[in-house]
Amino acid sequence: MKVLDWLLDILKKVGGFLLVGMMALTCADVIGRLFGHPILGAVELVVAMATLAIGMGLPFTHEAEGHVGVEILVRLFSKRTQTIIELCTSVLSFLLFATVTWRMFVYGRTLQKTGEETVNLALPLFIFIYALSFCLLIFTLVILKDIAINIQKLRER
């Protein structure tokens, strides 16, 4: 659990750094365009940074319960029923994101074999897909941790 918390913290910080980098690069590109010197590949880099920032933010956002949820009806149920509902949604989320993580890794391996690159900077795309796969793996592990916590809650009641 401590390793997972440490990884969440690292991903959160790197994701924040990427957001700042996106902002700085976009500002520099806009200013460069005003003077007739845009930054080559700025759009590619901003898209890559945005993708990774979102992927890196998912595990922490889930852990902090910062996602949007509809709780109006669920609040009316008993704590046990709420825990059961949360357990069911966690299991479904785990299955979904475990599948997405696996397929992203397979997709990254396919891109690695084919050698696909970005248009302007010729950056290998598989690196970004593997990084996103890793973020999704951590996200899936956070969901698995939630499942274990909810099972423990049900056993205590």
C-alpha atoms as a PDB file:
ATOM      1  CA  MET A   1       0.000   0.000   0.000  1.00  0.00           C
ATOM      2  CA  LYS A   2       2.852   2.381   0.785  1.00  0.00           C
ATOM      3  CA  VAL A   3       4.419   1.757  -2.616  1.00  0.00           C
ATOM      4  CA  LEU A   4       1.079   2.481  -4.272  1.00  0.00           C
ATOM      5  CA  ASP A   5       0.697   5.714  -2.279  1.00  0.00           C
ATOM      6  CA  TRP A   6       4.255   6.685  -3.229  1.00  0.00           C
ATOM      7  CA  LEU A   7       3.503   6.046  -6.918  1.00  0.00           C
ATOM      8  CA  LEU A   8       0.299   8.095  -6.658  1.00  0.00           C
ATOM      9  CA  ASP A   9       2.295  10.989  -5.249  1.00  0.00           C
ATOM     10  CA  ILE A  10       4.934  10.742  -8.001  1.00  0.00           C
ATOM     11  CA  LEU A  11       2.310  10.548 -10.752  1.00  0.00           C
ATOM     12  CA  LYS A  12       0.443  13.505  -9.274  1.00  0.00           C
ATOM     13  CA  LYS A  13       3.605  15.633  -9.219  1.00  0.00           C
ATOM     14  CA  VAL A  14       4.705  14.650 -12.722  1.00  0.00           C
ATOM     15  CA  GLY A  15       1.176  15.278 -14.013  1.00  0.00           C
ATOM     16  CA  GLY A  16       1.227  18.751 -12.441  1.00  0.00           C
ATOM     17  CA  PHE A  17       4.624  19.423 -13.972  1.00  0.00           C
ATOM     18  CA  LEU A  18       3.241  18.390 -17.373  1.00  0.00           C
ATOM     19  CA  LEU A  19       0.333  20.829 -16.976  1.00  0.00           C
ATOM     20  CA  VAL A  20       2.760  23.650 -16.228  1.00  0.00           C
ATOM     21  CA  GLY A  21       4.881  22.559 -19.199  1.00  0.00           C
ATOM     22  CA  MET A  22       1.826  22.610 -21.459  1.00  0.00           C
ATOM     23  CA  MET A  23       1.010  26.124 -20.333  1.00  0.00           C
ATOM     24  CA  ALA A  24       4.578  27.360 -20.813  1.00  0.00           C
ATOM     25  CA  LEU A  25       4.939  25.714 -24.216  1.00  0.00           C
ATOM     26  CA  THR A  26       1.599  27.058 -25.435  1.00  0.00           C
ATOM     27  CA  CYS A  27       2.467  30.587 -24.278  1.00  0.00           C
ATOM     28  CA  ALA A  28       5.896  30.406 -25.900  1.00  0.00           C
ATOM     29  CA  ASP A  29       4.370  29.103 -29.134  1.00  0.00           C
ATOM     30  CA  VAL A  30       1.742  31.870 -29.225  1.00  0.00           C
ATOM     31  CA  ILE A  31       4.367  34.544 -28.591  1.00  0.00           C
ATOM     32  CA  GLY A  32       6.627  32.944 -31.196  1.00  0.00           C
ATOM     33  CA  ARG A  33       3.803  32.998 -33.724  1.00  0.00           C
ATOM     34  CA  LEU A  34       3.319  36.719 -33.113  1.00  0.00           C
ATOM     35  CA  PHE A  35       6.907  37.235 -34.234  1.00  0.00           C
ATOM     36  CA  GLY A  36       6.701  34.729 -37.081  1.00  0.00           C
ATOM     37  CA  HIS A  37       8.632  31.956 -35.319  1.00  0.00           C
ATOM     38  CA  PRO A  38       6.269  29.243 -34.052  1.00  0.00           C
ATOM     39  CA  ILE A  39       7.723  26.306 -32.147  1.00  0.00           C
ATOM     40  CA  LEU A  40       7.980  23.253 -34.379  1.00  0.00           C
ATOM     41  CA  GLY A  41       6.022  20.340 -32.914  1.00  0.00           C
ATOM     42  CA  ALA A  42       4.410  22.380 -30.133  1.00  0.00           C
ATOM     43  CA  VAL A  43       0.982  20.932 -30.857  1.00  0.00           C
ATOM     44  CA  GLU A  44       2.337  17.364 -30.779  1.00  0.00           C
ATOM     45  CA  LEU A  45       4.075  17.985 -27.475  1.00  0.00           C
ATOM     46  CA  VAL A  46       1.016  19.626 -25.904  1.00  0.00           C
ATOM     47  CA  VAL A  47      -1.199  16.719 -26.980  1.00  0.00           C
ATOM     48  CA  ALA A  48       1.278  14.195 -25.568  1.00  0.00           C
ATOM     49  CA  MET A  49       1.622  16.134 -22.305  1.00  0.00           C
ATOM     50  CA  ALA A  50      -2.161  16.488 -21.972  1.00  0.00           C
ATOM     51  CA  THR A  51      -2.672  12.766 -22.517  1.00  0.00           C
ATOM     52  CA  LEU A  52      -0.066  11.876 -19.913  1.00  0.00           C
ATOM     53  CA  ALA A  53      -1.290  14.516 -17.441  1.00  0.00           C
ATOM     54  CA  ILE A  54      -4.803  13.086 -17.590  1.00  0.00           C
ATOM     55  CA  GLY A  55      -3.502   9.536 -17.219  1.00  0.00           C
ATOM     56  CA  MET A  56      -1.321  10.521 -14.281  1.00  0.00           C
ATOM     57  CA  GLY A  57      -4.157  12.367 -12.602  1.00  0.00           C
ATOM     58  CA  LEU A  58      -6.646   9.488 -12.753  1.00  0.00           C
ATOM     59  CA  PRO A  59      -5.254   7.378  -9.883  1.00  0.00           C
ATOM     60  CA  PHE A  60      -4.911  10.307  -7.482  1.00  0.00           C
ATOM     61  CA  THR A  61      -8.319  11.701  -8.375  1.00  0.00           C
ATOM     62  CA  HIS A  62      -9.905   8.323  -7.696  1.00  0.00           C
ATOM     63  CA  GLU A  63      -8.026   7.929  -4.416  1.00  0.00           C
ATOM     64  CA  ALA A  64      -9.091  11.415  -3.287  1.00  0.00           C
ATOM     65  CA  GLU A  65     -12.669  10.747  -4.459  1.00  0.00           C
ATOM     66  CA  GLY A  66     -12.433  13.839  -6.623  1.00  0.00           C
ATOM     67  CA  HIS A  67     -14.509  12.389  -9.445  1.00  0.00           C
ATOM     68  CA  VAL A  68     -18.093  13.306 -10.143  1.00  0.00           C
ATOM     69  CA  GLY A  69     -20.597  10.885  -8.669  1.00  0.00           C
ATOM     70  CA  VAL A  70     -24.356  10.718  -8.363  1.00  0.00           C
ATOM     71  CA  GLU A  71     -25.069  10.148  -4.698  1.00  0.00           C
ATOM     72  CA  ILE A  72     -28.519  11.650  -4.222  1.00  0.00           C
ATOM     73  CA  LEU A  73     -30.285   8.282  -4.233  1.00  0.00           C
ATOM     74  CA  VAL A  74     -27.449   6.255  -2.702  1.00  0.00           C
ATOM     75  CA  ARG A  75     -27.358   8.464   0.413  1.00  0.00           C
ATOM     76  CA  LEU A  76     -30.856   7.249   1.322  1.00  0.00           C
ATOM     77  CA  PHE A  77     -29.652   3.659   1.725  1.00  0.00           C
ATOM     78  CA  SER A  78     -28.061   2.122   4.808  1.00  0.00           C
ATOM     79  CA  LYS A  79     -24.267   2.181   5.167  1.00  0.00           C
ATOM     80  CA  ARG A  80     -24.111  -1.532   4.361  1.00  0.00           C
ATOM     81  CA  THR A  81     -26.115  -1.080   1.160  1.00  0.00           C
ATOM     82  CA  GLN A  82     -23.942   1.901   0.201  1.00  0.00           C
ATOM     83  CA  THR A  83     -20.849  -0.254   0.695  1.00  0.00           C
ATOM     84  CA  ILE A  84     -22.338  -3.044  -1.438  1.00  0.00           C
ATOM     85  CA  ILE A  85     -23.164  -0.571  -4.220  1.00  0.00           C
ATOM     86  CA  GLU A  86     -19.645   0.880  -4.010  1.00  0.00           C
ATOM     87  CA  LEU A  87     -18.179  -2.632  -4.111  1.00  0.00           C
ATOM     88  CA  CYS A  88     -20.206  -3.510  -7.212  1.00  0.00           C
ATOM     89  CA  THR A  89     -19.203  -0.348  -9.047  1.00  0.00           C
ATOM     90  CA  SER A  90     -15.574  -0.886  -8.013  1.00  0.00           C
ATOM     91  CA  VAL A  91     -15.581  -4.446  -9.357  1.00  0.00           C
ATOM     92  CA  LEU A  92     -17.087  -3.277 -12.660  1.00  0.00           C
ATOM     93  CA  SER A  93     -14.569  -0.413 -12.840  1.00  0.00           C
ATOM     94  CA  PHE A  94     -11.739  -2.818 -12.087  1.00  0.00           C
ATOM     95  CA  LEU A  95     -12.816  -5.159 -14.889  1.00  0.00           C
ATOM     96  CA  LEU A  96     -13.162  -2.277 -17.331  1.00  0.00           C
ATOM     97  CA  PHE A  97      -9.834  -0.633 -16.547  1.00  0.00           C
ATOM     98  CA  ALA A  98      -7.940  -3.921 -16.309  1.00  0.00           C
ATOM     99  CA  THR A  99      -9.132  -4.638 -19.847  1.00  0.00           C
ATOM    100  CA  VAL A 100      -8.279  -1.118 -21.049  1.00  0.00           C
ATOM    101  CA  THR A 101      -4.825  -1.339 -19.447  1.00  0.00           C
ATOM    102  CA  TRP A 102      -4.126  -4.673 -21.103  1.00  0.00           C
ATOM    103  CA  ARG A 103      -5.312  -3.447 -24.515  1.00  0.00           C
ATOM    104  CA  MET A 104      -3.292  -0.224 -24.222  1.00  0.00           C
ATOM    105  CA  PHE A 105      -0.176  -2.271 -23.535  1.00  0.00           C
ATOM    106  CA  VAL A 106      -0.920  -4.495 -26.548  1.00  0.00           C
ATOM    107  CA  TYR A 107      -1.496  -1.367 -28.658  1.00  0.00           C
ATOM    108  CA  GLY A 108       1.820   0.082 -27.460  1.00  0.00           C
ATOM    109  CA  ARG A 109       3.596  -3.120 -28.422  1.00  0.00           C
ATOM    110  CA  THR A 110       1.976  -2.960 -31.873  1.00  0.00           C
ATOM    111  CA  LEU A 111       3.126   0.640 -32.327  1.00  0.00           C
ATOM    112  CA  GLN A 112       6.613  -0.345 -31.208  1.00  0.00           C
ATOM    113  CA  LYS A 113       6.771  -3.108 -33.810  1.00  0.00           C
ATOM    114  CA  THR A 114       5.449  -0.899 -36.601  1.00  0.00           C
ATOM    115  CA  GLY A 115       7.650   2.047 -35.637  1.00  0.00           C
ATOM    116  CA  GLU A 116       4.903   4.696 -35.799  1.00  0.00           C
ATOM    117  CA  GLU A 117       6.042   8.210 -34.992  1.00  0.00           C
ATOM    118  CA  THR A 118       4.592  11.686 -34.574  1.00  0.00           C
ATOM    119  CA  VAL A 119       4.413  13.746 -37.766  1.00  0.00           C
ATOM    120  CA  ASN A 120       6.684  16.719 -37.046  1.00  0.00           C
ATOM    121  CA  LEU A 121       9.108  15.589 -34.356  1.00  0.00           C
ATOM    122  CA  ALA A 122       9.225  11.891 -35.266  1.00  0.00           C
ATOM    123  CA  LEU A 123       8.781  10.884 -31.616  1.00  0.00           C
ATOM    124  CA  PRO A 124       7.989   7.181 -31.212  1.00  0.00           C
ATOM    125  CA  LEU A 125       4.327   6.885 -30.236  1.00  0.00           C
ATOM    126  CA  PHE A 126       4.744   3.654 -28.280  1.00  0.00           C
ATOM    127  CA  ILE A 127       6.558   5.493 -25.478  1.00  0.00           C
ATOM    128  CA  PHE A 128       3.477   7.594 -24.755  1.00  0.00           C
ATOM    129  CA  ILE A 129       1.167   4.585 -24.984  1.00  0.00           C
ATOM    130  CA  TYR A 130       3.345   2.574 -22.589  1.00  0.00           C
ATOM    131  CA  ALA A 131       3.428   5.510 -20.152  1.00  0.00           C
ATOM    132  CA  LEU A 132      -0.355   5.796 -20.320  1.00  0.00           C
ATOM    133  CA  SER A 133      -0.637   2.020 -19.850  1.00  0.00           C
ATOM    134  CA  PHE A 134       1.452   2.300 -16.686  1.00  0.00           C
ATOM    135  CA  CYS A 135      -0.789   5.096 -15.372  1.00  0.00           C
ATOM    136  CA  LEU A 136      -3.858   2.978 -16.085  1.00  0.00           C
ATOM    137  CA  LEU A 137      -2.225   0.024 -14.317  1.00  0.00           C
ATOM    138  CA  ILE A 138      -1.740   2.151 -11.203  1.00  0.00           C
ATOM    139  CA  PHE A 139      -5.341   3.363 -11.526  1.00  0.00           C
ATOM    140  CA  THR A 140      -6.519  -0.268 -11.729  1.00  0.00           C
ATOM    141  CA  LEU A 141      -4.508  -1.135  -8.619  1.00  0.00           C
ATOM    142  CA  VAL A 142      -6.108   1.797  -6.751  1.00  0.00           C
ATOM    143  CA  ILE A 143      -9.525   0.440  -7.708  1.00  0.00           C
ATOM    144  CA  LEU A 144      -8.443  -3.025  -6.494  1.00  0.00           C
ATOM    145  CA  LYS A 145      -7.405  -1.431  -3.196  1.00  0.00           C
ATOM    146  CA  ASP A 146     -10.919   0.069  -2.930  1.00  0.00           C
ATOM    147  CA  ILE A 147     -12.415  -3.371  -3.497  1.00  0.00           C
ATOM    148  CA  ALA A 148     -10.328  -4.782  -0.654  1.00  0.00           C
ATOM    149  CA  ILE A 149     -11.335  -1.904   1.642  1.00  0.00           C
ATOM    150  CA  ASN A 150     -15.032  -2.389   0.854  1.00  0.00           C
ATOM    151  CA  ILE A 151     -14.810  -6.132   1.464  1.00  0.00           C
ATOM    152  CA  GLN A 152     -13.173  -5.388   4.808  1.00  0.00           C
ATOM    153  CA  LYS A 153     -15.993  -2.944   5.650  1.00  0.00           C
ATOM    154  CA  LEU A 154     -18.598  -5.594   4.900  1.00  0.00           C
ATOM    155  CA  ARG A 155     -16.829  -8.134   7.095  1.00  0.00           C
ATOM    156  CA  GLU A 156     -16.753  -5.709  10.020  1.00  0.00           C
ATOM    157  CA  ARG A 157     -20.507  -5.069   9.873  1.00  0.00           C
END
